[in-house]
Amino acid sequence: MTWFDALLYPQLRSFSEKDRQHALRKAKSTPFDVIELLGMALGLVLVTALTRYQTSSLNDVERVAAILLNFAVAVPLLVLFVGPFLVRRVRRGLETELAKRRGPEKDPQ
């Protein structure tokens, strides 16, 4: 487990060292829920709106430079607006894996 995984997914600490990779792989295959899908769609629309530009007045070299600059701006924006929904899905998957390992909750009565 890298420090980055530990930072993003604190639930991994609840798994044994040998089970972490398997649990993380399984959590990453968790299907998206409606909130995550809508959030990612809105994030993509927002990033697209923020990174639009006109190229009609630019020559070829300026167009390539504008494309590269636009890409350099869009990637961090995607991480900022879409990334949290990807992390949320994996965290939900890890919580599900933890619940499976704990077994059914006992009734306190």
Protein backbone atom coordinates (compact mmCIF):
# COMPACT_ATOMS: atom_id res chain seq x y z
CA MET A 1 0.00 0.00 0.00
CA THR A 2 1.44 3.34 -1.02
CA TRP A 3 1.15 6.49 1.07
CA PHE A 4 -1.24 7.82 -1.57
CA ASP A 5 -3.57 4.81 -1.21
CA ALA A 6 -3.46 5.19 2.57
CA LEU A 7 -4.37 8.87 2.23
CA LEU A 8 -7.25 8.33 -0.19
CA TYR A 9 -8.59 5.10 1.29
CA PRO A 10 -8.13 4.98 5.09
CA GLN A 11 -10.40 1.90 5.15
CA LEU A 12 -7.48 -0.12 3.75
CA ARG A 13 -5.85 -0.06 7.18
CA SER A 14 -8.61 -2.38 8.40
CA PHE A 15 -7.41 -5.11 6.01
CA SER A 16 -4.38 -7.27 6.60
CA GLU A 17 -1.29 -6.39 4.56
CA LYS A 18 -1.74 -9.38 2.25
CA ASP A 19 -5.45 -8.67 1.61
CA ARG A 20 -5.15 -4.99 0.77
CA GLN A 21 -4.37 -5.37 -2.94
CA HIS A 22 -7.25 -7.81 -3.44
CA ALA A 23 -9.67 -5.61 -1.49
CA LEU A 24 -8.63 -2.52 -3.44
CA ARG A 25 -8.96 -4.32 -6.77
CA LYS A 26 -12.40 -5.57 -5.81
CA ALA A 27 -13.48 -2.13 -4.55
CA LYS A 28 -12.43 -0.54 -7.84
CA SER A 29 -14.85 -2.82 -9.66
CA THR A 30 -17.80 -1.51 -7.62
CA PRO A 31 -20.50 -0.12 -9.93
CA PHE A 32 -21.11 3.61 -9.89
CA ASP A 33 -24.24 4.88 -8.16
CA VAL A 34 -26.50 7.66 -9.45
CA ILE A 35 -24.81 10.41 -7.41
CA GLU A 36 -21.39 9.47 -8.76
CA LEU A 37 -22.58 9.27 -12.36
CA LEU A 38 -24.36 12.62 -12.16
CA GLY A 39 -21.43 14.24 -10.38
CA MET A 40 -18.96 13.04 -12.99
CA ALA A 41 -21.23 14.18 -15.82
CA LEU A 42 -21.61 17.63 -14.25
CA GLY A 43 -17.88 17.80 -13.64
CA LEU A 44 -17.16 16.99 -17.28
CA VAL A 45 -19.64 19.60 -18.48
CA LEU A 46 -18.12 22.21 -16.15
CA VAL A 47 -14.54 21.46 -17.23
CA THR A 48 -15.60 21.56 -20.86
CA ALA A 49 -17.25 24.94 -20.34
CA LEU A 50 -14.21 26.30 -18.51
CA THR A 51 -11.73 25.18 -21.16
CA ARG A 52 -13.51 26.33 -24.33
CA TYR A 53 -11.65 28.63 -26.65
CA GLN A 54 -11.84 29.99 -30.23
CA THR A 55 -9.17 29.02 -32.74
CA SER A 56 -10.45 30.77 -35.86
CA SER A 57 -7.99 33.66 -35.53
CA LEU A 58 -4.98 31.49 -34.67
CA ASN A 59 -2.35 30.11 -37.05
CA ASP A 60 -1.31 26.44 -36.89
CA VAL A 61 1.47 26.86 -34.34
CA GLU A 62 -0.75 28.96 -32.07
CA ARG A 63 -3.50 26.35 -32.33
CA VAL A 64 -1.15 23.58 -31.21
CA ALA A 65 0.05 25.77 -28.34
CA ALA A 66 -3.56 26.53 -27.37
CA ILE A 67 -4.43 22.82 -27.44
CA LEU A 68 -1.47 21.93 -25.22
CA LEU A 69 -2.22 24.76 -22.80
CA ASN A 70 -5.88 23.77 -22.72
CA PHE A 71 -4.91 20.18 -21.94
CA ALA A 72 -2.60 21.35 -19.14
CA VAL A 73 -5.50 23.31 -17.63
CA ALA A 74 -8.15 20.61 -18.17
CA VAL A 75 -6.33 17.72 -16.46
CA PRO A 76 -6.09 19.35 -13.00
CA LEU A 77 -9.68 20.55 -13.33
CA LEU A 78 -10.81 17.00 -14.08
CA VAL A 79 -8.92 15.74 -11.04
CA LEU A 80 -10.59 18.43 -8.95
CA PHE A 81 -14.16 18.01 -10.22
CA VAL A 82 -14.38 14.33 -11.24
CA GLY A 83 -11.76 12.67 -9.03
CA PRO A 84 -13.74 12.86 -5.78
CA PHE A 85 -16.53 10.77 -7.32
CA LEU A 86 -14.05 8.08 -8.35
CA VAL A 87 -12.60 8.03 -4.83
CA ARG A 88 -16.12 7.86 -3.36
CA ARG A 89 -16.91 4.76 -5.41
CA VAL A 90 -13.77 2.94 -4.22
CA ARG A 91 -14.43 3.92 -0.61
CA ARG A 92 -17.97 2.53 -0.90
CA GLY A 93 -16.51 -0.67 -2.31
CA LEU A 94 -14.04 -0.95 0.57
CA GLU A 95 -16.83 -0.42 3.09
CA THR A 96 -18.79 -3.21 1.39
CA GLU A 97 -15.76 -5.51 1.57
CA LEU A 98 -15.30 -4.70 5.25
CA ALA A 99 -18.97 -5.43 5.94
CA LYS A 100 -18.68 -8.81 4.18
CA ARG A 101 -15.65 -9.75 6.28
CA ARG A 102 -17.36 -8.74 9.52
CA GLY A 103 -20.30 -10.92 8.69
CA PRO A 104 -23.93 -10.18 9.52
CA GLU A 105 -24.44 -7.73 12.33
CA LYS A 106 -25.70 -9.32 15.51
CA ASP A 107 -28.97 -8.08 16.97
CA PRO A 108 -28.20 -6.59 20.43
CA GLN A 109 -31.26 -8.29 22.02
